Amino acid sequence: DGKVLLLSKYALDCKPYHKYYVGVTWETCTLRSWLNEDFYKTAFTSAEQKYIAETYVMNEDNPKYGTDGGNNTYDKVFLLSREEVTTYFDPDPDAYDPARMARVTEYAKAQGGWYDNDKESEYYGNGWWWLRSPGGYQGTAAIVGSEGDIDEYGYDAYLIFCGVRPALWIDLDA
């Protein structure tokens, strides 16, 4: 429909999914606010912003644990969901999918981003990155691991070692 989905190749930054240890959904997390306010205004010029489509974002429940995904949202910049990752990449969440792997930028490392630092490892330089999907309970979010597999239980939302791979839809007709 005249749009293209863009996903950062790298884990650009390292932020907690949510600043506080409480139950949280994509709609209420501080990472969503940061992506749609600070990141959006800093990363893109006003000329570029006019091409970024406001997108209806579906926030499904966690299929393995049943954790509430919360209300659907409208966002300019967002994180991929577990469902999107298994649609756009390997459909097996447990697969070690090279296309789902993300290198961590030096900036993200400096912000506390975890990465595989074993120089002998085939995953050297890859890190974990947040998904917008809930994890095993309401205070967690699912992630993609350094090997490209999806951890549906995820990590506590307040932890500061998962990378951020922003996604957005570009309106080619804007």
C-alpha atoms as a PDB file:
ATOM      1  CA  ASP A   1       0.000   0.000   0.000  1.00  0.00           C
ATOM      2  CA  GLY A   2       2.815   2.450  -0.810  1.00  0.00           C
ATOM      3  CA  LYS A   3       4.670   1.817   2.443  1.00  0.00           C
ATOM      4  CA  VAL A   4       7.862   0.017   3.407  1.00  0.00           C
ATOM      5  CA  LEU A   5       8.852  -1.294   6.832  1.00  0.00           C
ATOM      6  CA  LEU A   6      12.289  -0.289   8.070  1.00  0.00           C
ATOM      7  CA  LEU A   7      14.086  -1.992  10.941  1.00  0.00           C
ATOM      8  CA  SER A   8      17.431  -0.835  12.242  1.00  0.00           C
ATOM      9  CA  LYS A   9      20.193  -3.260  11.305  1.00  0.00           C
ATOM     10  CA  TYR A  10      21.882  -2.617  14.664  1.00  0.00           C
ATOM     11  CA  ALA A  11      20.921  -2.330  18.313  1.00  0.00           C
ATOM     12  CA  LEU A  12      21.341   1.458  18.283  1.00  0.00           C
ATOM     13  CA  ASP A  13      20.893   2.192  21.959  1.00  0.00           C
ATOM     14  CA  CYS A  14      20.413   0.448  25.264  1.00  0.00           C
ATOM     15  CA  LYS A  15      17.399   1.410  27.345  1.00  0.00           C
ATOM     16  CA  PRO A  16      15.143  -0.316  29.839  1.00  0.00           C
ATOM     17  CA  TYR A  17      11.749  -1.295  28.465  1.00  0.00           C
ATOM     18  CA  HIS A  18      10.304   0.547  31.447  1.00  0.00           C
ATOM     19  CA  LYS A  19      12.031   2.618  34.137  1.00  0.00           C
ATOM     20  CA  TYR A  20      10.186   1.064  37.057  1.00  0.00           C
ATOM     21  CA  TYR A  21       9.609  -2.421  38.452  1.00  0.00           C
ATOM     22  CA  VAL A  22       5.846  -2.590  37.869  1.00  0.00           C
ATOM     23  CA  GLY A  23       3.437  -4.365  35.555  1.00  0.00           C
ATOM     24  CA  VAL A  24       3.704  -2.755  32.143  1.00  0.00           C
ATOM     25  CA  THR A  25       2.538  -3.063  28.544  1.00  0.00           C
ATOM     26  CA  TRP A  26       3.833  -1.520  25.327  1.00  0.00           C
ATOM     27  CA  GLU A  27       1.217   1.225  25.667  1.00  0.00           C
ATOM     28  CA  THR A  28       2.502   2.313  29.082  1.00  0.00           C
ATOM     29  CA  CYS A  29       6.247   1.626  28.863  1.00  0.00           C
ATOM     30  CA  THR A  30       8.811   4.412  28.963  1.00  0.00           C
ATOM     31  CA  LEU A  31      10.687   2.974  25.953  1.00  0.00           C
ATOM     32  CA  ARG A  32       7.648   3.644  23.734  1.00  0.00           C
ATOM     33  CA  SER A  33       7.577   7.272  24.924  1.00  0.00           C
ATOM     34  CA  TRP A  34      11.297   7.667  24.299  1.00  0.00           C
ATOM     35  CA  LEU A  35      11.087   6.201  20.774  1.00  0.00           C
ATOM     36  CA  ASN A  36       8.147   8.384  19.742  1.00  0.00           C
ATOM     37  CA  GLU A  37       9.396  11.573  21.336  1.00  0.00           C
ATOM     38  CA  ASP A  38      13.144  11.925  21.974  1.00  0.00           C
ATOM     39  CA  PHE A  39      14.389   9.405  19.408  1.00  0.00           C
ATOM     40  CA  TYR A  40      11.920  10.490  16.718  1.00  0.00           C
ATOM     41  CA  LYS A  41      12.795  14.182  17.106  1.00  0.00           C
ATOM     42  CA  THR A  42      16.560  13.590  17.360  1.00  0.00           C
ATOM     43  CA  ALA A  43      17.136  10.868  14.767  1.00  0.00           C
ATOM     44  CA  PHE A  44      15.070  12.369  11.946  1.00  0.00           C
ATOM     45  CA  THR A  45      14.939  15.805  10.385  1.00  0.00           C
ATOM     46  CA  SER A  46      11.563  17.475   9.902  1.00  0.00           C
ATOM     47  CA  ALA A  47      11.858  16.648   6.183  1.00  0.00           C
ATOM     48  CA  GLU A  48      12.387  12.963   7.023  1.00  0.00           C
ATOM     49  CA  GLN A  49       9.616  12.941   9.625  1.00  0.00           C
ATOM     50  CA  LYS A  50       6.966  13.684   6.992  1.00  0.00           C
ATOM     51  CA  TYR A  51       7.648  10.255   5.431  1.00  0.00           C
ATOM     52  CA  ILE A  52       7.243   8.334   8.687  1.00  0.00           C
ATOM     53  CA  ALA A  53       3.724   6.927   8.827  1.00  0.00           C
ATOM     54  CA  GLU A  54       1.732   6.814  12.020  1.00  0.00           C
ATOM     55  CA  THR A  55       1.047   3.102  12.366  1.00  0.00           C
ATOM     56  CA  TYR A  56      -1.690   1.138  14.098  1.00  0.00           C
ATOM     57  CA  VAL A  57       0.350  -1.213  16.268  1.00  0.00           C
ATOM     58  CA  MET A  58      -1.248  -4.483  17.413  1.00  0.00           C
ATOM     59  CA  ASN A  59      -0.183  -5.565  20.883  1.00  0.00           C
ATOM     60  CA  GLU A  60      -1.002  -9.254  21.150  1.00  0.00           C
ATOM     61  CA  ASP A  61      -0.883 -11.300  24.332  1.00  0.00           C
ATOM     62  CA  ASN A  62       2.137 -13.537  24.850  1.00  0.00           C
ATOM     63  CA  PRO A  63       1.181 -16.782  23.056  1.00  0.00           C
ATOM     64  CA  LYS A  64       3.190 -19.040  25.374  1.00  0.00           C
ATOM     65  CA  TYR A  65       2.375 -17.505  28.768  1.00  0.00           C
ATOM     66  CA  GLY A  66      -0.869 -15.627  28.066  1.00  0.00           C
ATOM     67  CA  THR A  67       0.507 -12.359  29.457  1.00  0.00           C
ATOM     68  CA  ASP A  68      -1.664  -9.379  28.518  1.00  0.00           C
ATOM     69  CA  GLY A  69      -0.319  -7.380  25.573  1.00  0.00           C
ATOM     70  CA  GLY A  70      -2.373  -4.333  26.520  1.00  0.00           C
ATOM     71  CA  ASN A  71      -4.179  -1.922  24.257  1.00  0.00           C
ATOM     72  CA  ASN A  72      -3.235  -1.433  20.630  1.00  0.00           C
ATOM     73  CA  THR A  73      -1.478   1.868  19.935  1.00  0.00           C
ATOM     74  CA  TYR A  74      -0.654   4.360  17.196  1.00  0.00           C
ATOM     75  CA  ASP A  75       3.075   4.948  16.884  1.00  0.00           C
ATOM     76  CA  LYS A  76       5.562   6.556  14.533  1.00  0.00           C
ATOM     77  CA  VAL A  77       8.454   4.442  15.853  1.00  0.00           C
ATOM     78  CA  PHE A  78       8.003   1.103  17.581  1.00  0.00           C
ATOM     79  CA  LEU A  79       9.631  -2.219  18.390  1.00  0.00           C
ATOM     80  CA  LEU A  80       8.720  -5.346  16.482  1.00  0.00           C
ATOM     81  CA  SER A  81       6.438  -7.824  18.198  1.00  0.00           C
ATOM     82  CA  ARG A  82       7.067 -11.534  18.591  1.00  0.00           C
ATOM     83  CA  GLU A  83       4.464 -12.143  15.876  1.00  0.00           C
ATOM     84  CA  GLU A  84       6.124  -9.720  13.456  1.00  0.00           C
ATOM     85  CA  VAL A  85       9.552 -11.256  14.034  1.00  0.00           C
ATOM     86  CA  THR A  86       8.204 -14.736  13.253  1.00  0.00           C
ATOM     87  CA  THR A  87       6.415 -13.355  10.182  1.00  0.00           C
ATOM     88  CA  TYR A  88       9.294 -11.341   8.683  1.00  0.00           C
ATOM     89  CA  PHE A  89      12.058 -13.752   9.719  1.00  0.00           C
ATOM     90  CA  ASP A  90      12.216 -17.469  10.517  1.00  0.00           C
ATOM     91  CA  PRO A  91       8.771 -18.595  11.776  1.00  0.00           C
ATOM     92  CA  ASP A  92      10.339 -20.847  14.428  1.00  0.00           C
ATOM     93  CA  PRO A  93      10.889 -18.694  17.539  1.00  0.00           C
ATOM     94  CA  ASP A  94      13.563 -21.110  18.797  1.00  0.00           C
ATOM     95  CA  ALA A  95      15.614 -21.025  15.582  1.00  0.00           C
ATOM     96  CA  TYR A  96      19.061 -19.473  15.648  1.00  0.00           C
ATOM     97  CA  ASP A  97      18.219 -17.126  12.785  1.00  0.00           C
ATOM     98  CA  PRO A  98      21.148 -15.038  11.466  1.00  0.00           C
ATOM     99  CA  ALA A  99      18.669 -12.521  10.007  1.00  0.00           C
ATOM    100  CA  ARG A 100      17.350 -11.804  13.523  1.00  0.00           C
ATOM    101  CA  MET A 101      20.809 -11.251  15.010  1.00  0.00           C
ATOM    102  CA  ALA A 102      21.834  -7.689  15.762  1.00  0.00           C
ATOM    103  CA  ARG A 103      25.239  -6.199  16.395  1.00  0.00           C
ATOM    104  CA  VAL A 104      25.410  -3.746  19.268  1.00  0.00           C
ATOM    105  CA  THR A 105      26.747  -0.292  18.395  1.00  0.00           C
ATOM    106  CA  GLU A 106      29.604   1.203  20.382  1.00  0.00           C
ATOM    107  CA  TYR A 107      27.155   3.803  21.682  1.00  0.00           C
ATOM    108  CA  ALA A 108      24.751   1.110  22.922  1.00  0.00           C
ATOM    109  CA  LYS A 109      27.640  -0.745  24.586  1.00  0.00           C
ATOM    110  CA  ALA A 110      28.610   2.479  26.368  1.00  0.00           C
ATOM    111  CA  GLN A 111      25.009   2.769  27.616  1.00  0.00           C
ATOM    112  CA  GLY A 112      25.223  -0.718  29.178  1.00  0.00           C
ATOM    113  CA  GLY A 113      24.147  -2.917  26.274  1.00  0.00           C
ATOM    114  CA  TRP A 114      25.095  -6.552  26.693  1.00  0.00           C
ATOM    115  CA  TYR A 115      26.876  -8.237  23.810  1.00  0.00           C
ATOM    116  CA  ASP A 116      28.739 -11.486  23.229  1.00  0.00           C
ATOM    117  CA  ASN A 117      32.344 -10.438  23.870  1.00  0.00           C
ATOM    118  CA  ASP A 118      33.926 -13.849  23.240  1.00  0.00           C
ATOM    119  CA  LYS A 119      36.114 -13.177  20.204  1.00  0.00           C
ATOM    120  CA  GLU A 120      36.111 -16.912  19.410  1.00  0.00           C
ATOM    121  CA  SER A 121      32.313 -17.048  19.268  1.00  0.00           C
ATOM    122  CA  GLU A 122      30.446 -16.941  15.963  1.00  0.00           C
ATOM    123  CA  TYR A 123      28.042 -14.555  17.738  1.00  0.00           C
ATOM    124  CA  TYR A 124      30.758 -12.096  18.789  1.00  0.00           C
ATOM    125  CA  GLY A 125      29.397  -8.525  18.858  1.00  0.00           C
ATOM    126  CA  ASN A 126      25.731  -9.594  18.788  1.00  0.00           C
ATOM    127  CA  GLY A 127      23.433  -8.548  21.590  1.00  0.00           C
ATOM    128  CA  TRP A 128      19.951  -8.984  22.948  1.00  0.00           C
ATOM    129  CA  TRP A 129      17.182  -6.672  21.742  1.00  0.00           C
ATOM    130  CA  TRP A 130      13.753  -5.876  23.098  1.00  0.00           C
ATOM    131  CA  LEU A 131      10.480  -6.823  21.462  1.00  0.00           C
ATOM    132  CA  ARG A 132       7.330  -4.891  22.337  1.00  0.00           C
ATOM    133  CA  SER A 133       5.566  -8.150  23.275  1.00  0.00           C
ATOM    134  CA  PRO A 134       5.060  -9.001  26.933  1.00  0.00           C
ATOM    135  CA  GLY A 135       7.202 -11.674  28.499  1.00  0.00           C
ATOM    136  CA  GLY A 136       6.290 -14.409  30.960  1.00  0.00           C
ATOM    137  CA  TYR A 137       4.592 -12.027  33.390  1.00  0.00           C
ATOM    138  CA  GLN A 138       3.426  -8.424  33.260  1.00  0.00           C
ATOM    139  CA  GLY A 139       6.725  -6.936  34.456  1.00  0.00           C
ATOM    140  CA  THR A 140       8.757  -8.467  31.622  1.00  0.00           C
ATOM    141  CA  ALA A 141       9.171  -8.046  27.868  1.00  0.00           C
ATOM    142  CA  ALA A 142      10.202 -10.641  25.296  1.00  0.00           C
ATOM    143  CA  ILE A 143      13.584 -10.336  23.592  1.00  0.00           C
ATOM    144  CA  VAL A 144      15.611 -11.683  20.709  1.00  0.00           C
ATOM    145  CA  GLY A 145      18.845 -13.296  21.854  1.00  0.00           C
ATOM    146  CA  SER A 146      22.338 -12.849  20.465  1.00  0.00           C
ATOM    147  CA  GLU A 147      21.931 -16.097  18.481  1.00  0.00           C
ATOM    148  CA  GLY A 148      18.737 -14.856  16.799  1.00  0.00           C
ATOM    149  CA  ASP A 149      16.295 -16.912  18.877  1.00  0.00           C
ATOM    150  CA  ILE A 150      13.261 -15.437  20.642  1.00  0.00           C
ATOM    151  CA  ASP A 151      13.126 -15.601  24.418  1.00  0.00           C
ATOM    152  CA  GLU A 152       9.381 -15.455  25.018  1.00  0.00           C
ATOM    153  CA  TYR A 153       9.778 -15.314  28.802  1.00  0.00           C
ATOM    154  CA  GLY A 154      12.005 -12.279  28.350  1.00  0.00           C
ATOM    155  CA  TYR A 155      13.621 -10.107  30.966  1.00  0.00           C
ATOM    156  CA  ASP A 156      12.475  -7.751  33.671  1.00  0.00           C
ATOM    157  CA  ALA A 157      11.410  -4.551  31.962  1.00  0.00           C
ATOM    158  CA  TYR A 158      13.501  -2.287  34.209  1.00  0.00           C
ATOM    159  CA  LEU A 159      16.814  -3.958  33.298  1.00  0.00           C
ATOM    160  CA  ILE A 160      19.278  -1.923  31.243  1.00  0.00           C
ATOM    161  CA  PHE A 161      21.171  -4.362  29.045  1.00  0.00           C
ATOM    162  CA  CYS A 162      18.898  -5.070  26.073  1.00  0.00           C
ATOM    163  CA  GLY A 163      19.393  -3.175  22.860  1.00  0.00           C
ATOM    164  CA  VAL A 164      16.848  -1.129  20.945  1.00  0.00           C
ATOM    165  CA  ARG A 165      16.204  -1.804  17.231  1.00  0.00           C
ATOM    166  CA  PRO A 166      13.699   0.833  16.151  1.00  0.00           C
ATOM    167  CA  ALA A 167      11.165  -0.032  13.460  1.00  0.00           C
ATOM    168  CA  LEU A 168       8.965   2.302  11.411  1.00  0.00           C
ATOM    169  CA  TRP A 169       6.858   2.405   8.285  1.00  0.00           C
ATOM    170  CA  ILE A 170       7.832   4.840   5.533  1.00  0.00           C
ATOM    171  CA  ASP A 171       5.051   6.297   3.414  1.00  0.00           C
ATOM    172  CA  LEU A 172       6.435   6.360  -0.126  1.00  0.00           C
ATOM    173  CA  ASP A 173       3.617   8.637  -1.292  1.00  0.00           C
ATOM    174  CA  ALA A 174       4.140  11.372   1.345  1.00  0.00           C
END
